[in-house]
Amino acid sequence: SLGLCLTQGAVLAQEFLSRPVRIVVPQTPGGASDALARIMAQRL
């Protein structure tokens, strides 16, 4: 059971990369949230 859970977890973690990821910034461009999000988006 443990092995099945770990396997399912690994599969789920891989499946989330099956299409583009969006980072939603609830503020306008140019602020601190936007700047940090763009640095992180590039690296991810």
PDB file of all heavy atoms in Angstrom:
ATOM      1  N   SER A   1       0.834  -1.210   0.000  1.00  0.00           N
ATOM      2  CA  SER A   1       0.000   0.000   0.000  1.00  0.00           C
ATOM      3  C   SER A   1       0.864   1.253   0.000  1.00  0.00           C
ATOM      4  O   SER A   1       0.599   2.219  -0.718  1.00  0.00           O
ATOM      5  CB  SER A   1      -0.920   0.006   1.222  1.00  0.00           C
ATOM      6  OG  SER A   1      -1.783  -1.093   1.202  1.00  0.00           O
ATOM      7  N   LEU A   2       1.917   1.229   0.827  1.00  0.00           N
ATOM      8  CA  LEU A   2       2.826   2.372   0.899  1.00  0.00           C
ATOM      9  C   LEU A   2       3.507   2.595  -0.437  1.00  0.00           C
ATOM     10  O   LEU A   2       3.620   3.721  -0.931  1.00  0.00           O
ATOM     11  CB  LEU A   2       3.866   2.154   1.992  1.00  0.00           C
ATOM     12  CG  LEU A   2       4.930   3.255   2.159  1.00  0.00           C
ATOM     13  CD1 LEU A   2       4.253   4.578   2.520  1.00  0.00           C
ATOM     14  CD2 LEU A   2       5.949   2.864   3.218  1.00  0.00           C
ATOM     15  N   GLY A   3       3.955   1.514  -1.040  1.00  0.00           N
ATOM     16  CA  GLY A   3       4.617   1.617  -2.337  1.00  0.00           C
ATOM     17  C   GLY A   3       3.692   2.162  -3.400  1.00  0.00           C
ATOM     18  O   GLY A   3       4.088   2.983  -4.239  1.00  0.00           O
ATOM     19  N   LEU A   4       2.402   1.732  -3.348  1.00  0.00           N
ATOM     20  CA  LEU A   4       1.424   2.228  -4.312  1.00  0.00           C
ATOM     21  C   LEU A   4       1.192   3.719  -4.138  1.00  0.00           C
ATOM     22  O   LEU A   4       1.129   4.468  -5.109  1.00  0.00           O
ATOM     23  CB  LEU A   4       0.106   1.462  -4.135  1.00  0.00           C
ATOM     24  CG  LEU A   4      -1.044   1.863  -5.077  1.00  0.00           C
ATOM     25  CD1 LEU A   4      -0.640   1.612  -6.523  1.00  0.00           C
ATOM     26  CD2 LEU A   4      -2.309   1.074  -4.737  1.00  0.00           C
ATOM     27  N   CYS A   5       1.081   4.163  -2.867  1.00  0.00           N
ATOM     28  CA  CYS A   5       0.875   5.596  -2.582  1.00  0.00           C
ATOM     29  C   CYS A   5       2.047   6.431  -3.076  1.00  0.00           C
ATOM     30  O   CYS A   5       1.863   7.493  -3.668  1.00  0.00           O
ATOM     31  CB  CYS A   5       0.684   5.816  -1.084  1.00  0.00           C
ATOM     32  SG  CYS A   5      -0.905   5.211  -0.463  1.00  0.00           S
ATOM     33  N   LEU A   6       3.260   5.950  -2.821  1.00  0.00           N
ATOM     34  CA  LEU A   6       4.446   6.685  -3.256  1.00  0.00           C
ATOM     35  C   LEU A   6       4.515   6.755  -4.773  1.00  0.00           C
ATOM     36  O   LEU A   6       4.877   7.774  -5.352  1.00  0.00           O
ATOM     37  CB  LEU A   6       5.704   6.013  -2.688  1.00  0.00           C
ATOM     38  CG  LEU A   6       5.897   6.117  -1.173  1.00  0.00           C
ATOM     39  CD1 LEU A   6       7.101   5.290  -0.728  1.00  0.00           C
ATOM     40  CD2 LEU A   6       6.082   7.568  -0.753  1.00  0.00           C
ATOM     41  N   THR A   7       4.150   5.635  -5.425  1.00  0.00           N
ATOM     42  CA  THR A   7       4.166   5.607  -6.890  1.00  0.00           C
ATOM     43  C   THR A   7       3.136   6.566  -7.450  1.00  0.00           C
ATOM     44  O   THR A   7       3.413   7.334  -8.377  1.00  0.00           O
ATOM     45  CB  THR A   7       3.869   4.182  -7.395  1.00  0.00           C
ATOM     46  OG1 THR A   7       4.858   3.298  -6.893  1.00  0.00           O
ATOM     47  CG2 THR A   7       3.887   4.142  -8.913  1.00  0.00           C
ATOM     48  N   GLN A   8       1.914   6.539  -6.854  1.00  0.00           N
ATOM     49  CA  GLN A   8       0.874   7.448  -7.316  1.00  0.00           C
ATOM     50  C   GLN A   8       1.281   8.903  -7.111  1.00  0.00           C
ATOM     51  O   GLN A   8       1.040   9.756  -7.950  1.00  0.00           O
ATOM     52  CB  GLN A   8      -0.431   7.163  -6.563  1.00  0.00           C
ATOM     53  CG  GLN A   8      -1.091   5.849  -6.951  1.00  0.00           C
ATOM     54  CD  GLN A   8      -2.311   5.555  -6.118  1.00  0.00           C
ATOM     55  OE1 GLN A   8      -2.412   6.012  -4.975  1.00  0.00           O
ATOM     56  NE2 GLN A   8      -3.244   4.791  -6.665  1.00  0.00           N
ATOM     57  N   GLY A   9       1.940   9.178  -5.966  1.00  0.00           N
ATOM     58  CA  GLY A   9       2.408  10.531  -5.688  1.00  0.00           C
ATOM     59  C   GLY A   9       3.426  10.990  -6.704  1.00  0.00           C
ATOM     60  O   GLY A   9       3.391  12.122  -7.183  1.00  0.00           O
ATOM     61  N   ALA A  10       4.345  10.105  -7.061  1.00  0.00           N
ATOM     62  CA  ALA A  10       5.374  10.443  -8.047  1.00  0.00           C
ATOM     63  C   ALA A  10       4.742  10.712  -9.406  1.00  0.00           C
ATOM     64  O   ALA A  10       5.138  11.630 -10.129  1.00  0.00           O
ATOM     65  CB  ALA A  10       6.387   9.310  -8.148  1.00  0.00           C
ATOM     66  N   VAL A  11       3.731   9.884  -9.772  1.00  0.00           N
ATOM     67  CA  VAL A  11       3.052  10.065 -11.051  1.00  0.00           C
ATOM     68  C   VAL A  11       2.328  11.405 -11.077  1.00  0.00           C
ATOM     69  O   VAL A  11       2.403  12.163 -12.038  1.00  0.00           O
ATOM     70  CB  VAL A  11       2.040   8.917 -11.294  1.00  0.00           C
ATOM     71  CG1 VAL A  11       1.162   9.234 -12.505  1.00  0.00           C
ATOM     72  CG2 VAL A  11       2.785   7.605 -11.510  1.00  0.00           C
ATOM     73  N   LEU A  12       1.619  11.735  -9.984  1.00  0.00           N
ATOM     74  CA  LEU A  12       0.906  13.012  -9.900  1.00  0.00           C
ATOM     75  C   LEU A  12       1.861  14.184 -10.033  1.00  0.00           C
ATOM     76  O   LEU A  12       1.583  15.172 -10.714  1.00  0.00           O
ATOM     77  CB  LEU A  12       0.148  13.103  -8.572  1.00  0.00           C
ATOM     78  CG  LEU A  12      -1.143  12.286  -8.447  1.00  0.00           C
ATOM     79  CD1 LEU A  12      -1.611  12.286  -7.002  1.00  0.00           C
ATOM     80  CD2 LEU A  12      -2.223  12.832  -9.371  1.00  0.00           C
ATOM     81  N   ALA A  13       3.007  14.075  -9.365  1.00  0.00           N
ATOM     82  CA  ALA A  13       3.994  15.158  -9.404  1.00  0.00           C
ATOM     83  C   ALA A  13       4.541  15.361 -10.803  1.00  0.00           C
ATOM     84  O   ALA A  13       4.903  16.480 -11.183  1.00  0.00           O
ATOM     85  CB  ALA A  13       5.136  14.853  -8.433  1.00  0.00           C
ATOM     86  N   GLN A  14       4.607  14.286 -11.593  1.00  0.00           N
ATOM     87  CA  GLN A  14       5.085  14.416 -12.966  1.00  0.00           C
ATOM     88  C   GLN A  14       3.975  14.926 -13.886  1.00  0.00           C
ATOM     89  O   GLN A  14       4.201  15.716 -14.785  1.00  0.00           O
ATOM     90  CB  GLN A  14       5.594  13.057 -13.462  1.00  0.00           C
ATOM     91  CG  GLN A  14       6.907  12.624 -12.828  1.00  0.00           C
ATOM     92  CD  GLN A  14       8.048  13.587 -13.129  1.00  0.00           C
ATOM     93  OE1 GLN A  14       8.086  14.211 -14.191  1.00  0.00           O
ATOM     94  NE2 GLN A  14       8.964  13.724 -12.189  1.00  0.00           N
ATOM     95  N   GLU A  15       2.728  14.472 -13.665  1.00  0.00           N
ATOM     96  CA  GLU A  15       1.620  14.834 -14.534  1.00  0.00           C
ATOM     97  C   GLU A  15       1.313  16.328 -14.511  1.00  0.00           C
ATOM     98  O   GLU A  15       0.798  16.870 -15.475  1.00  0.00           O
ATOM     99  CB  GLU A  15       0.365  14.052 -14.130  1.00  0.00           C
ATOM    100  CG  GLU A  15       0.404  12.589 -14.560  1.00  0.00           C
ATOM    101  CD  GLU A  15      -0.858  11.848 -14.181  1.00  0.00           C
ATOM    102  OE1 GLU A  15      -1.656  12.403 -13.394  1.00  0.00           O
ATOM    103  OE2 GLU A  15      -1.050  10.720 -14.661  1.00  0.00           O
ATOM    104  N   PHE A  16       1.644  17.006 -13.407  1.00  0.00           N
ATOM    105  CA  PHE A  16       1.297  18.426 -13.351  1.00  0.00           C
ATOM    106  C   PHE A  16       2.132  19.247 -14.329  1.00  0.00           C
ATOM    107  O   PHE A  16       1.837  20.399 -14.599  1.00  0.00           O
ATOM    108  CB  PHE A  16       1.409  18.958 -11.916  1.00  0.00           C
ATOM    109  CG  PHE A  16       2.717  19.624 -11.569  1.00  0.00           C
ATOM    110  CD1 PHE A  16       2.879  20.984 -11.737  1.00  0.00           C
ATOM    111  CD2 PHE A  16       3.777  18.896 -11.059  1.00  0.00           C
ATOM    112  CE1 PHE A  16       4.072  21.613 -11.403  1.00  0.00           C
ATOM    113  CE2 PHE A  16       4.971  19.516 -10.726  1.00  0.00           C
ATOM    114  CZ  PHE A  16       5.124  20.876 -10.905  1.00  0.00           C
ATOM    115  N   LEU A  17       3.174  18.649 -14.896  1.00  0.00           N
ATOM    116  CA  LEU A  17       3.998  19.338 -15.887  1.00  0.00           C
ATOM    117  C   LEU A  17       3.567  18.998 -17.314  1.00  0.00           C
ATOM    118  O   LEU A  17       4.321  19.190 -18.252  1.00  0.00           O
ATOM    119  CB  LEU A  17       5.470  18.948 -15.695  1.00  0.00           C
ATOM    120  CG  LEU A  17       6.118  19.458 -14.402  1.00  0.00           C
ATOM    121  CD1 LEU A  17       7.527  18.907 -14.269  1.00  0.00           C
ATOM    122  CD2 LEU A  17       6.150  20.961 -14.373  1.00  0.00           C
ATOM    123  N   SER A  18       2.355  18.494 -17.450  1.00  0.00           N
ATOM    124  CA  SER A  18       1.907  18.054 -18.765  1.00  0.00           C
ATOM    125  C   SER A  18       1.513  19.209 -19.684  1.00  0.00           C
ATOM    126  O   SER A  18       1.315  19.020 -20.873  1.00  0.00           O
ATOM    127  CB  SER A  18       0.718  17.092 -18.611  1.00  0.00           C
ATOM    128  OG  SER A  18      -0.368  17.743 -17.957  1.00  0.00           O
ATOM    129  N   ARG A  19       1.374  20.405 -19.128  1.00  0.00           N
ATOM    130  CA  ARG A  19       1.040  21.577 -19.944  1.00  0.00           C
ATOM    131  C   ARG A  19       1.552  22.829 -19.229  1.00  0.00           C
ATOM    132  O   ARG A  19       1.996  22.757 -18.086  1.00  0.00           O
ATOM    133  CB  ARG A  19      -0.467  21.653 -20.177  1.00  0.00           C
ATOM    134  CG  ARG A  19      -1.317  21.810 -18.944  1.00  0.00           C
ATOM    135  CD  ARG A  19      -2.806  21.841 -19.302  1.00  0.00           C
ATOM    136  NE  ARG A  19      -3.638  22.133 -18.148  1.00  0.00           N
ATOM    137  CZ  ARG A  19      -4.046  21.259 -17.266  1.00  0.00           C
ATOM    138  NH1 ARG A  19      -3.662  19.985 -17.400  1.00  0.00           N
ATOM    139  NH2 ARG A  19      -4.816  21.609 -16.249  1.00  0.00           N
ATOM    140  N   PRO A  20       1.511  23.994 -19.895  1.00  0.00           N
ATOM    141  CA  PRO A  20       2.043  25.225 -19.293  1.00  0.00           C
ATOM    142  C   PRO A  20       1.454  25.538 -17.919  1.00  0.00           C
ATOM    143  O   PRO A  20       0.284  25.247 -17.644  1.00  0.00           O
ATOM    144  CB  PRO A  20       1.668  26.301 -20.313  1.00  0.00           C
ATOM    145  CG  PRO A  20       1.632  25.563 -21.613  1.00  0.00           C
ATOM    146  CD  PRO A  20       1.066  24.212 -21.288  1.00  0.00           C
ATOM    147  N   VAL A  21       2.276  26.136 -17.074  1.00  0.00           N
ATOM    148  CA  VAL A  21       1.878  26.524 -15.725  1.00  0.00           C
ATOM    149  C   VAL A  21       1.697  28.042 -15.680  1.00  0.00           C
ATOM    150  O   VAL A  21       2.498  28.787 -16.239  1.00  0.00           O
ATOM    151  CB  VAL A  21       2.939  26.087 -14.694  1.00  0.00           C
ATOM    152  CG1 VAL A  21       2.587  26.602 -13.301  1.00  0.00           C
ATOM    153  CG2 VAL A  21       3.070  24.567 -14.680  1.00  0.00           C
ATOM    154  N   ARG A  22       0.633  28.487 -15.015  1.00  0.00           N
ATOM    155  CA  ARG A  22       0.384  29.926 -14.863  1.00  0.00           C
ATOM    156  C   ARG A  22       0.635  30.353 -13.428  1.00  0.00           C
ATOM    157  O   ARG A  22       0.223  29.669 -12.490  1.00  0.00           O
ATOM    158  CB  ARG A  22      -1.066  30.273 -15.213  1.00  0.00           C
ATOM    159  CG  ARG A  22      -1.455  30.127 -16.659  1.00  0.00           C
ATOM    160  CD  ARG A  22      -2.888  30.599 -16.858  1.00  0.00           C
ATOM    161  NE  ARG A  22      -3.827  29.885 -16.007  1.00  0.00           N
ATOM    162  CZ  ARG A  22      -4.931  30.416 -15.487  1.00  0.00           C
ATOM    163  NH1 ARG A  22      -5.227  31.688 -15.688  1.00  0.00           N
ATOM    164  NH2 ARG A  22      -5.745  29.695 -14.740  1.00  0.00           N
ATOM    165  N   ILE A  23       1.325  31.478 -13.265  1.00  0.00           N
ATOM    166  CA  ILE A  23       1.440  32.110 -11.953  1.00  0.00           C
ATOM    167  C   ILE A  23       0.613  33.388 -12.013  1.00  0.00           C
ATOM    168  O   ILE A  23       0.962  34.333 -12.722  1.00  0.00           O
ATOM    169  CB  ILE A  23       2.904  32.443 -11.596  1.00  0.00           C
ATOM    170  CG1 ILE A  23       3.755  31.168 -11.535  1.00  0.00           C
ATOM    171  CG2 ILE A  23       2.965  33.180 -10.258  1.00  0.00           C
ATOM    172  CD1 ILE A  23       5.214  31.420 -11.214  1.00  0.00           C
ATOM    173  N   VAL A  24      -0.509  33.390 -11.317  1.00  0.00           N
ATOM    174  CA  VAL A  24      -1.412  34.538 -11.327  1.00  0.00           C
ATOM    175  C   VAL A  24      -0.953  35.554 -10.284  1.00  0.00           C
ATOM    176  O   VAL A  24      -0.816  35.227  -9.104  1.00  0.00           O
ATOM    177  CB  VAL A  24      -2.865  34.110 -11.042  1.00  0.00           C
ATOM    178  CG1 VAL A  24      -3.776  35.334 -10.948  1.00  0.00           C
ATOM    179  CG2 VAL A  24      -3.353  33.163 -12.134  1.00  0.00           C
ATOM    180  N   VAL A  25      -0.713  36.781 -10.739  1.00  0.00           N
ATOM    181  CA  VAL A  25      -0.344  37.890  -9.853  1.00  0.00           C
ATOM    182  C   VAL A  25      -1.563  38.791  -9.732  1.00  0.00           C
ATOM    183  O   VAL A  25      -2.000  39.375 -10.721  1.00  0.00           O
ATOM    184  CB  VAL A  25       0.848  38.690 -10.414  1.00  0.00           C
ATOM    185  CG1 VAL A  25       1.159  39.890  -9.520  1.00  0.00           C
ATOM    186  CG2 VAL A  25       2.077  37.799 -10.548  1.00  0.00           C
ATOM    187  N   PRO A  26      -2.147  38.924  -8.534  1.00  0.00           N
ATOM    188  CA  PRO A  26      -3.367  39.716  -8.381  1.00  0.00           C
ATOM    189  C   PRO A  26      -3.133  41.214  -8.268  1.00  0.00           C
ATOM    190  O   PRO A  26      -3.936  41.934  -7.677  1.00  0.00           O
ATOM    191  CB  PRO A  26      -3.987  39.138  -7.102  1.00  0.00           C
ATOM    192  CG  PRO A  26      -2.822  38.692  -6.304  1.00  0.00           C
ATOM    193  CD  PRO A  26      -1.805  38.212  -7.299  1.00  0.00           C
ATOM    194  N   GLN A  27      -2.008  41.676  -8.787  1.00  0.00           N
ATOM    195  CA  GLN A  27      -1.691  43.105  -8.826  1.00  0.00           C
ATOM    196  C   GLN A  27      -1.254  43.473 -10.244  1.00  0.00           C
ATOM    197  O   GLN A  27      -0.992  42.603 -11.072  1.00  0.00           O
ATOM    198  CB  GLN A  27      -0.562  43.448  -7.835  1.00  0.00           C
ATOM    199  CG  GLN A  27      -0.984  43.478  -6.374  1.00  0.00           C
ATOM    200  CD  GLN A  27      -0.909  42.115  -5.718  1.00  0.00           C
ATOM    201  OE1 GLN A  27      -0.094  41.282  -6.108  1.00  0.00           O
ATOM    202  NE2 GLN A  27      -1.735  41.877  -4.720  1.00  0.00           N
ATOM    203  N   THR A  28      -1.145  44.763 -10.493  1.00  0.00           N
ATOM    204  CA  THR A  28      -0.718  45.237 -11.805  1.00  0.00           C
ATOM    205  C   THR A  28       0.770  44.987 -12.014  1.00  0.00           C
ATOM    206  O   THR A  28       1.512  44.814 -11.045  1.00  0.00           O
ATOM    207  CB  THR A  28      -0.993  46.746 -11.953  1.00  0.00           C
ATOM    208  OG1 THR A  28      -0.368  47.436 -10.859  1.00  0.00           O
ATOM    209  CG2 THR A  28      -2.485  47.031 -11.941  1.00  0.00           C
ATOM    210  N   PRO A  29       1.239  44.967 -13.260  1.00  0.00           N
ATOM    211  CA  PRO A  29       2.671  44.769 -13.531  1.00  0.00           C
ATOM    212  C   PRO A  29       3.511  45.878 -12.910  1.00  0.00           C
ATOM    213  O   PRO A  29       3.068  47.014 -12.753  1.00  0.00           O
ATOM    214  CB  PRO A  29       2.740  44.820 -15.064  1.00  0.00           C
ATOM    215  CG  PRO A  29       1.368  44.437 -15.513  1.00  0.00           C
ATOM    216  CD  PRO A  29       0.437  45.030 -14.497  1.00  0.00           C
ATOM    217  N   GLY A  30       4.742  45.521 -12.545  1.00  0.00           N
ATOM    218  CA  GLY A  30       5.687  46.516 -12.059  1.00  0.00           C
ATOM    219  C   GLY A  30       5.920  46.530 -10.567  1.00  0.00           C
ATOM    220  O   GLY A  30       6.903  47.098 -10.107  1.00  0.00           O
ATOM    221  N   GLY A  31       5.022  45.924  -9.793  1.00  0.00           N
ATOM    222  CA  GLY A  31       5.200  45.900  -8.352  1.00  0.00           C
ATOM    223  C   GLY A  31       6.104  44.773  -7.897  1.00  0.00           C
ATOM    224  O   GLY A  31       6.624  43.994  -8.705  1.00  0.00           O
ATOM    225  N   ALA A  32       6.278  44.666  -6.578  1.00  0.00           N
ATOM    226  CA  ALA A  32       7.164  43.644  -6.022  1.00  0.00           C
ATOM    227  C   ALA A  32       6.664  42.236  -6.332  1.00  0.00           C
ATOM    228  O   ALA A  32       7.450  41.364  -6.720  1.00  0.00           O
ATOM    229  CB  ALA A  32       7.295  43.837  -4.515  1.00  0.00           C
ATOM    230  N   SER A  33       5.353  41.989  -6.186  1.00  0.00           N
ATOM    231  CA  SER A  33       4.800  40.666  -6.466  1.00  0.00           C
ATOM    232  C   SER A  33       5.073  40.260  -7.904  1.00  0.00           C
ATOM    233  O   SER A  33       5.483  39.127  -8.191  1.00  0.00           O
ATOM    234  CB  SER A  33       3.286  40.648  -6.213  1.00  0.00           C
ATOM    235  OG  SER A  33       2.989  40.787  -4.854  1.00  0.00           O
ATOM    236  N   ASP A  34       4.853  41.188  -8.815  1.00  0.00           N
ATOM    237  CA  ASP A  34       5.055  40.923 -10.232  1.00  0.00           C
ATOM    238  C   ASP A  34       6.526  40.633 -10.533  1.00  0.00           C
ATOM    239  O   ASP A  34       6.855  39.679 -11.250  1.00  0.00           O
ATOM    240  CB  ASP A  34       4.578  42.125 -11.048  1.00  0.00           C
ATOM    241  CG  ASP A  34       4.691  41.904 -12.546  1.00  0.00           C
ATOM    242  OD1 ASP A  34       3.933  41.075 -13.083  1.00  0.00           O
ATOM    243  OD2 ASP A  34       5.548  42.551 -13.178  1.00  0.00           O
ATOM    244  N   ALA A  35       7.424  41.441  -9.981  1.00  0.00           N
ATOM    245  CA  ALA A  35       8.854  41.274 -10.240  1.00  0.00           C
ATOM    246  C   ALA A  35       9.372  39.925  -9.736  1.00  0.00           C
ATOM    247  O   ALA A  35      10.088  39.209 -10.449  1.00  0.00           O
ATOM    248  CB  ALA A  35       9.642  42.407  -9.585  1.00  0.00           C
ATOM    249  N   LEU A  36       8.981  39.558  -8.514  1.00  0.00           N
ATOM    250  CA  LEU A  36       9.435  38.287  -7.950  1.00  0.00           C
ATOM    251  C   LEU A  36       8.835  37.106  -8.702  1.00  0.00           C
ATOM    252  O   LEU A  36       9.496  36.087  -8.924  1.00  0.00           O
ATOM    253  CB  LEU A  36       9.074  38.210  -6.466  1.00  0.00           C
ATOM    254  CG  LEU A  36       9.715  39.264  -5.553  1.00  0.00           C
ATOM    255  CD1 LEU A  36       9.254  39.066  -4.111  1.00  0.00           C
ATOM    256  CD2 LEU A  36      11.236  39.218  -5.625  1.00  0.00           C
ATOM    257  N   ALA A  37       7.571  37.235  -9.110  1.00  0.00           N
ATOM    258  CA  ALA A  37       6.907  36.159  -9.850  1.00  0.00           C
ATOM    259  C   ALA A  37       7.597  35.912 -11.182  1.00  0.00           C
ATOM    260  O   ALA A  37       7.751  34.759 -11.609  1.00  0.00           O
ATOM    261  CB  ALA A  37       5.436  36.501 -10.071  1.00  0.00           C
ATOM    262  N   ARG A  38       8.037  36.968 -11.838  1.00  0.00           N
ATOM    263  CA  ARG A  38       8.673  36.818 -13.154  1.00  0.00           C
ATOM    264  C   ARG A  38      10.063  36.175 -13.027  1.00  0.00           C
ATOM    265  O   ARG A  38      10.466  35.394 -13.888  1.00  0.00           O
ATOM    266  CB  ARG A  38       8.737  38.173 -13.864  1.00  0.00           C
ATOM    267  CG  ARG A  38       7.361  38.657 -14.265  1.00  0.00           C
ATOM    268  CD  ARG A  38       7.333  39.959 -15.026  1.00  0.00           C
ATOM    269  NE  ARG A  38       5.957  40.381 -15.218  1.00  0.00           N
ATOM    270  CZ  ARG A  38       5.140  39.903 -16.152  1.00  0.00           C
ATOM    271  NH1 ARG A  38       5.588  39.008 -17.021  1.00  0.00           N
ATOM    272  NH2 ARG A  38       3.893  40.331 -16.247  1.00  0.00           N
ATOM    273  N   ILE A  39      10.769  36.502 -11.972  1.00  0.00           N
ATOM    274  CA  ILE A  39      12.064  35.841 -11.743  1.00  0.00           C
ATOM    275  C   ILE A  39      11.834  34.349 -11.521  1.00  0.00           C
ATOM    276  O   ILE A  39      12.529  33.496 -12.101  1.00  0.00           O
ATOM    277  CB  ILE A  39      12.776  36.452 -10.517  1.00  0.00           C
ATOM    278  CG1 ILE A  39      13.159  37.909 -10.798  1.00  0.00           C
ATOM    279  CG2 ILE A  39      14.019  35.631 -10.156  1.00  0.00           C
ATOM    280  CD1 ILE A  39      13.694  38.648  -9.576  1.00  0.00           C
ATOM    281  N   MET A  40      10.849  34.017 -10.699  1.00  0.00           N
ATOM    282  CA  MET A  40      10.554  32.620 -10.391  1.00  0.00           C
ATOM    283  C   MET A  40      10.033  31.882 -11.613  1.00  0.00           C
ATOM    284  O   MET A  40      10.391  30.720 -11.856  1.00  0.00           O
ATOM    285  CB  MET A  40       9.549  32.555  -9.243  1.00  0.00           C
ATOM    286  CG  MET A  40       9.333  31.169  -8.672  1.00  0.00           C
ATOM    287  SD  MET A  40      10.844  30.311  -8.144  1.00  0.00           S
ATOM    288  CE  MET A  40      11.536  31.540  -7.008  1.00  0.00           C
ATOM    289  N   ALA A  41       9.177  32.522 -12.407  1.00  0.00           N
ATOM    290  CA  ALA A  41       8.619  31.873 -13.597  1.00  0.00           C
ATOM    291  C   ALA A  41       9.727  31.490 -14.577  1.00  0.00           C
ATOM    292  O   ALA A  41       9.713  30.393 -15.146  1.00  0.00           O
ATOM    293  CB  ALA A  41       7.622  32.817 -14.274  1.00  0.00           C
ATOM    294  N   GLN A  42      10.676  32.384 -14.764  1.00  0.00           N
ATOM    295  CA  GLN A  42      11.790  32.098 -15.674  1.00  0.00           C
ATOM    296  C   GLN A  42      12.585  30.887 -15.206  1.00  0.00           C
ATOM    297  O   GLN A  42      12.887  29.986 -15.992  1.00  0.00           O
ATOM    298  CB  GLN A  42      12.712  33.318 -15.757  1.00  0.00           C
ATOM    299  CG  GLN A  42      13.940  33.080 -16.628  1.00  0.00           C
ATOM    300  CD  GLN A  42      14.965  34.198 -16.490  1.00  0.00           C
ATOM    301  OE1 GLN A  42      14.657  35.292 -16.021  1.00  0.00           O
ATOM    302  NE2 GLN A  42      16.204  33.928 -16.885  1.00  0.00           N
ATOM    303  N   ARG A  43      12.901  30.842 -13.916  1.00  0.00           N
ATOM    304  CA  ARG A  43      13.720  29.753 -13.389  1.00  0.00           C
ATOM    305  C   ARG A  43      12.954  28.423 -13.345  1.00  0.00           C
ATOM    306  O   ARG A  43      13.529  27.368 -13.594  1.00  0.00           O
ATOM    307  CB  ARG A  43      14.243  30.117 -12.001  1.00  0.00           C
ATOM    308  CG  ARG A  43      15.288  31.220 -12.015  1.00  0.00           C
ATOM    309  CD  ARG A  43      16.386  30.891 -13.023  1.00  0.00           C
ATOM    310  NE  ARG A  43      17.415  31.886 -13.085  1.00  0.00           N
ATOM    311  CZ  ARG A  43      18.665  31.705 -12.647  1.00  0.00           C
ATOM    312  NH1 ARG A  43      19.026  30.546 -12.127  1.00  0.00           N
ATOM    313  NH2 ARG A  43      19.547  32.681 -12.752  1.00  0.00           N
ATOM    314  N   LEU A  44      11.678  28.473 -13.006  1.00  0.00           N
ATOM    315  CA  LEU A  44      10.886  27.237 -13.001  1.00  0.00           C
ATOM    316  C   LEU A  44      10.723  26.692 -14.410  1.00  0.00           C
ATOM    317  O   LEU A  44      10.743  25.475 -14.630  1.00  0.00           O
ATOM    318  CB  LEU A  44       9.516  27.491 -12.372  1.00  0.00           C
ATOM    319  CG  LEU A  44       9.486  27.662 -10.850  1.00  0.00           C
ATOM    320  CD1 LEU A  44       8.094  28.075 -10.377  1.00  0.00           C
ATOM    321  CD2 LEU A  44       9.920  26.374 -10.145  1.00  0.00           C
TER     322      LEU A  44
END
